[in-house]
Amino acid sequence: MSAGWLWAEWPLAGRVLAGVSTREGGVSGPPWGALNLGLHVGDRPAHVLENRRHLAATLALPADPGWLRQVHGVKVARLGALEAQPEIEADAAVAFEPGVVCAVMTADCLSVVLADRAARCVGVAHAGWRGLAGGVLEATIAALGVSPAELFAWLGPAISQRCYEVGDEVREAFVTADPGAAAAFVPNARDRWQADLALLAQRRLAAAGVSQVSGGGFCTFSDRARFHSHRRDGAASGRMATLAWLPGGPQRA
């Protein structure tokens, strides 16, 4: 059994450690896929905790991740040095010390990792359409406290535009504030829209002053072998985790 993992391919590789789990490996049974990291989707808690333990061992994590209770909002948790992190209601996390592991879980929503050029701070955001429209990326950038021009972003796997049908309310949530966001929505034959989450995130990042953006390109919905997808599998979907941390610092016992 080996835990599935994709490392972020971005200019900070090696200086900021980041990536996303897949559904491969682990001990969960059907319908959750083997490597489910979400405790809230009906899987056996013992299986989820073993999956988390195994992933941590595979990656040699310096500490347990700071798991969040995500609500599709814009709150950002600031994680402290290596004491146990209580579960916090938030949709993004930032850290400023080596060895503190930020985490968000996804199963179609976009995850976005942010870190500065000097590798002094790191953050990760859960960016579904509600979070993007509400300003979760802007809130994470503000919480990092450095010039946006010094930040790099990496986009994790998410549902692709081809697979992501939304209604008028989603389009209006973006276009009302940013008319140019209309480019991220293509009409379909059902009088609805195909939305491009990655493009919407790129627009928000660019408007905030973040120009160095990598990643994207993986579709959670269509790649059944590697990724969990709530839109595809409904309540039976497991969760992937995007983790990011600064290397160094004390190691776990």
Protein backbone atom coordinates (compact mmCIF):
# COMPACT_ATOMS: atom_id res chain seq x y z
CA MET A 1 0.00 0.00 0.00
CA SER A 2 1.43 3.36 -0.99
CA ALA A 3 -0.31 6.71 -0.64
CA GLY A 4 -0.94 8.50 -3.93
CA TRP A 5 0.61 11.96 -4.13
CA LEU A 6 1.33 14.63 -6.77
CA TRP A 7 4.00 17.21 -5.96
CA ALA A 8 3.43 20.79 -7.06
CA GLU A 9 5.45 21.71 -10.12
CA TRP A 10 6.26 25.38 -9.64
CA PRO A 11 9.31 27.65 -9.29
CA LEU A 12 9.41 27.18 -5.50
CA ALA A 13 9.72 23.38 -5.65
CA GLY A 14 12.16 22.23 -2.99
CA ARG A 15 12.01 25.50 -1.08
CA VAL A 16 8.28 25.26 -0.34
CA LEU A 17 6.88 21.73 -0.18
CA ALA A 18 3.39 21.38 -1.60
CA GLY A 19 1.17 18.96 -3.45
CA VAL A 20 -2.08 17.03 -3.43
CA SER A 21 -3.09 13.49 -2.54
CA THR A 22 -4.93 11.23 -4.97
CA ARG A 23 -7.48 8.50 -4.27
CA GLU A 24 -4.83 5.81 -4.83
CA GLY A 25 -3.47 3.79 -1.90
CA GLY A 26 -4.96 3.78 1.59
CA VAL A 27 -7.40 1.45 3.32
CA SER A 28 -10.89 2.87 2.66
CA GLY A 29 -13.31 0.60 0.83
CA PRO A 30 -15.93 1.32 -1.82
CA PRO A 31 -17.47 3.74 -2.56
CA TRP A 32 -14.90 6.18 -1.13
CA GLY A 33 -11.85 5.02 -2.99
CA ALA A 34 -8.82 3.76 -1.13
CA LEU A 35 -7.25 7.02 0.06
CA ASN A 36 -10.07 9.10 1.52
CA LEU A 37 -8.92 11.80 3.95
CA GLY A 38 -12.31 13.25 4.89
CA LEU A 39 -13.92 12.32 8.20
CA HIS A 40 -17.25 13.89 7.23
CA VAL A 41 -18.28 11.78 4.22
CA GLY A 42 -19.54 8.60 5.89
CA ASP A 43 -16.35 6.56 5.72
CA ARG A 44 -15.21 4.61 8.79
CA PRO A 45 -13.25 7.03 11.00
CA ALA A 46 -10.59 4.41 11.71
CA HIS A 47 -9.94 4.08 7.98
CA VAL A 48 -9.67 7.84 7.48
CA LEU A 49 -7.29 8.22 10.40
CA GLU A 50 -5.14 5.37 9.09
CA ASN A 51 -5.10 7.02 5.65
CA ARG A 52 -3.98 10.30 7.23
CA ARG A 53 -1.32 8.52 9.25
CA HIS A 54 -0.04 6.64 6.22
CA LEU A 55 0.10 9.76 4.06
CA ALA A 56 2.00 11.60 6.79
CA ALA A 57 4.51 8.75 7.01
CA THR A 58 4.88 8.51 3.22
CA LEU A 59 5.64 12.24 2.98
CA ALA A 60 7.69 12.32 6.20
CA LEU A 61 5.59 15.25 7.38
CA PRO A 62 7.23 17.23 10.19
CA ALA A 63 3.89 17.58 12.02
CA ASP A 64 0.25 16.63 11.67
CA PRO A 65 -1.56 18.88 9.19
CA GLY A 66 -3.76 21.65 10.50
CA TRP A 67 -7.09 20.18 9.36
CA LEU A 68 -9.89 22.71 8.89
CA ARG A 69 -13.66 22.55 9.17
CA GLN A 70 -14.45 24.01 5.76
CA VAL A 71 -17.67 25.93 5.10
CA HIS A 72 -17.08 27.54 1.65
CA GLY A 73 -16.25 30.82 3.37
CA VAL A 74 -13.32 33.22 3.41
CA LYS A 75 -11.91 32.87 6.94
CA VAL A 76 -8.16 32.26 7.12
CA ALA A 77 -6.58 30.34 10.02
CA ARG A 78 -3.08 31.26 11.14
CA LEU A 79 -1.36 28.04 12.21
CA GLY A 80 1.28 28.12 14.92
CA ALA A 81 4.40 26.07 15.54
CA LEU A 82 4.30 22.41 16.14
CA GLU A 83 1.74 22.09 18.94
CA ALA A 84 -1.30 20.02 18.03
CA GLN A 85 -3.66 22.08 15.89
CA PRO A 86 -7.34 22.00 16.86
CA GLU A 87 -9.79 21.78 13.99
CA ILE A 88 -10.67 25.37 13.05
CA GLU A 89 -13.66 26.56 11.01
CA ALA A 90 -11.92 28.21 8.06
CA ASP A 91 -11.34 27.74 4.35
CA ALA A 92 -7.70 28.74 4.19
CA ALA A 93 -4.62 28.51 6.38
CA VAL A 94 -1.28 30.30 6.53
CA ALA A 95 1.97 29.51 8.34
CA PHE A 96 5.20 31.42 8.94
CA GLU A 97 7.39 28.81 10.62
CA PRO A 98 9.16 25.79 9.13
CA GLY A 99 7.43 22.48 9.73
CA VAL A 100 3.87 23.76 10.11
CA VAL A 101 1.66 21.95 7.58
CA CYS A 102 -1.30 23.80 6.05
CA ALA A 103 -4.09 21.68 4.59
CA VAL A 104 -7.38 21.94 2.73
CA MET A 105 -9.58 19.12 1.45
CA THR A 106 -11.24 19.12 -1.97
CA ALA A 107 -13.26 16.89 -4.28
CA ASP A 108 -13.89 19.22 -7.30
CA CYS A 109 -13.25 22.62 -5.73
CA LEU A 110 -9.93 24.25 -6.56
CA SER A 111 -7.09 24.36 -4.06
CA VAL A 112 -4.58 27.21 -4.30
CA VAL A 113 -1.16 27.24 -2.64
CA LEU A 114 0.55 30.61 -2.11
CA ALA A 115 4.10 31.29 -0.93
CA ASP A 116 6.54 34.14 -1.16
CA ARG A 117 9.70 34.25 -3.26
CA ALA A 118 11.92 34.08 -0.16
CA ALA A 119 10.04 31.02 1.21
CA ARG A 120 9.23 32.73 4.50
CA CYS A 121 5.48 32.11 4.46
CA VAL A 122 3.00 29.71 2.92
CA GLY A 123 -0.75 29.42 2.65
CA VAL A 124 -3.36 27.18 1.07
CA ALA A 125 -6.96 28.05 0.20
CA HIS A 126 -10.09 26.03 -0.55
CA ALA A 127 -11.51 27.85 -3.56
CA GLY A 128 -14.83 26.61 -4.84
CA TRP A 129 -17.01 29.13 -6.62
CA ARG A 130 -18.48 30.52 -3.38
CA GLY A 131 -15.07 31.02 -1.84
CA LEU A 132 -13.64 32.55 -4.99
CA ALA A 133 -16.55 34.95 -5.37
CA GLY A 134 -16.45 35.81 -1.67
CA GLY A 135 -12.73 36.65 -1.69
CA VAL A 136 -10.95 33.68 -0.08
CA LEU A 137 -7.86 34.23 -2.25
CA GLU A 138 -7.68 37.92 -1.42
CA ALA A 139 -8.11 37.11 2.28
CA THR A 140 -5.28 34.56 2.13
CA ILE A 141 -2.99 37.02 0.35
CA ALA A 142 -3.73 39.63 3.00
CA ALA A 143 -3.05 37.13 5.80
CA LEU A 144 0.38 36.34 4.36
CA GLY A 145 1.32 39.99 4.82
CA VAL A 146 3.82 40.31 1.98
CA SER A 147 3.65 42.18 -1.31
CA PRO A 148 1.49 40.23 -3.79
CA ALA A 149 4.23 40.81 -6.36
CA GLU A 150 6.45 38.55 -4.24
CA LEU A 151 3.94 35.68 -4.18
CA PHE A 152 3.80 32.54 -6.30
CA ALA A 153 0.62 30.50 -6.68
CA TRP A 154 0.04 26.86 -7.57
CA LEU A 155 -3.40 25.60 -8.63
CA GLY A 156 -4.33 22.07 -7.65
CA PRO A 157 -6.69 19.66 -9.45
CA ALA A 158 -10.31 20.77 -9.87
CA ILE A 159 -13.34 20.06 -11.98
CA SER A 160 -12.71 21.28 -15.53
CA GLN A 161 -14.86 23.70 -17.48
CA ARG A 162 -16.05 20.90 -19.76
CA CYS A 163 -17.52 19.07 -16.76
CA TYR A 164 -18.67 21.95 -14.54
CA GLU A 165 -22.20 23.12 -15.32
CA VAL A 166 -23.56 26.01 -13.23
CA GLY A 167 -26.56 28.31 -13.20
CA ASP A 168 -27.01 32.03 -13.76
CA GLU A 169 -26.45 32.78 -10.06
CA VAL A 170 -22.87 31.56 -10.22
CA ARG A 171 -22.03 33.60 -13.30
CA GLU A 172 -23.64 36.71 -11.81
CA ALA A 173 -21.65 36.31 -8.59
CA PHE A 174 -18.48 36.95 -10.62
CA VAL A 175 -19.55 39.10 -13.53
CA THR A 176 -21.32 41.69 -11.38
CA ALA A 177 -18.01 42.65 -9.77
CA ASP A 178 -15.76 41.81 -12.74
CA PRO A 179 -17.36 42.00 -16.20
CA GLY A 180 -14.25 40.39 -17.67
CA ALA A 181 -15.05 37.21 -15.75
CA ALA A 182 -17.62 36.47 -18.44
CA ALA A 183 -14.73 34.90 -20.36
CA ALA A 184 -14.77 32.04 -17.83
CA PHE A 185 -18.35 31.02 -18.69
CA VAL A 186 -19.47 29.28 -21.88
CA PRO A 187 -23.20 28.77 -22.57
CA ASN A 188 -24.38 25.20 -23.11
CA ALA A 189 -27.39 23.61 -24.80
CA ARG A 190 -29.35 23.50 -21.52
CA ASP A 191 -29.39 27.29 -21.11
CA ARG A 192 -26.81 27.01 -18.36
CA TRP A 193 -23.07 27.69 -18.21
CA GLN A 194 -19.80 25.76 -18.21
CA ALA A 195 -17.57 27.48 -15.66
CA ASP A 196 -13.76 27.58 -15.61
CA LEU A 197 -12.71 27.62 -11.94
CA ALA A 198 -9.01 27.87 -12.77
CA LEU A 199 -9.51 30.90 -15.00
CA LEU A 200 -11.67 32.58 -12.36
CA ALA A 201 -8.92 32.01 -9.80
CA GLN A 202 -6.28 33.35 -12.18
CA ARG A 203 -8.32 36.52 -12.68
CA ARG A 204 -8.70 37.04 -8.94
CA LEU A 205 -5.00 36.45 -8.37
CA ALA A 206 -4.00 38.82 -11.17
CA ALA A 207 -6.32 41.54 -9.88
CA ALA A 208 -4.73 41.13 -6.43
CA GLY A 209 -1.24 41.51 -7.91
CA VAL A 210 -0.13 37.85 -8.07
CA SER A 211 1.29 37.20 -11.54
CA GLN A 212 3.36 34.02 -11.00
CA VAL A 213 0.80 31.21 -11.33
CA SER A 214 1.48 27.54 -12.04
CA GLY A 215 -0.52 24.31 -12.00
CA GLY A 216 -4.05 23.52 -13.04
CA GLY A 217 -4.85 21.20 -15.90
CA PHE A 218 -6.02 18.16 -13.90
CA CYS A 219 -9.78 17.42 -14.03
CA THR A 220 -11.12 15.73 -10.91
CA PHE A 221 -14.42 14.75 -12.57
CA SER A 222 -13.01 13.02 -15.64
CA ASP A 223 -9.98 11.34 -14.02
CA ARG A 224 -11.84 8.73 -11.97
CA ALA A 225 -8.74 6.63 -11.34
CA ARG A 226 -6.81 9.38 -9.56
CA PHE A 227 -9.22 11.91 -8.10
CA HIS A 228 -12.29 12.12 -5.89
CA SER A 229 -15.18 14.10 -7.39
CA HIS A 230 -18.30 15.18 -5.52
CA ARG A 231 -20.03 16.21 -8.74
CA ARG A 232 -19.39 12.75 -10.20
CA ASP A 233 -19.90 10.54 -7.12
CA GLY A 234 -22.16 12.61 -4.87
CA ALA A 235 -22.24 11.81 -1.15
CA ALA A 236 -20.04 8.77 -1.78
CA SER A 237 -17.11 10.93 -2.80
CA GLY A 238 -13.99 10.90 -0.66
CA ARG A 239 -11.67 13.88 -0.24
CA MET A 240 -8.15 14.69 -1.38
CA ALA A 241 -5.87 16.94 0.65
CA THR A 242 -3.65 19.72 -0.61
CA LEU A 243 -0.77 20.21 1.82
CA ALA A 244 1.88 22.93 1.92
CA TRP A 245 4.70 23.64 4.36
CA LEU A 246 8.08 25.28 4.74
CA PRO A 247 10.82 22.65 5.11
CA GLY A 248 13.03 22.48 8.16
CA GLY A 249 12.18 23.02 11.80
CA PRO A 250 11.75 20.36 14.49
CA GLN A 251 10.58 16.95 13.37
CA ARG A 252 7.74 14.97 14.90
CA ALA A 253 8.71 12.47 17.60
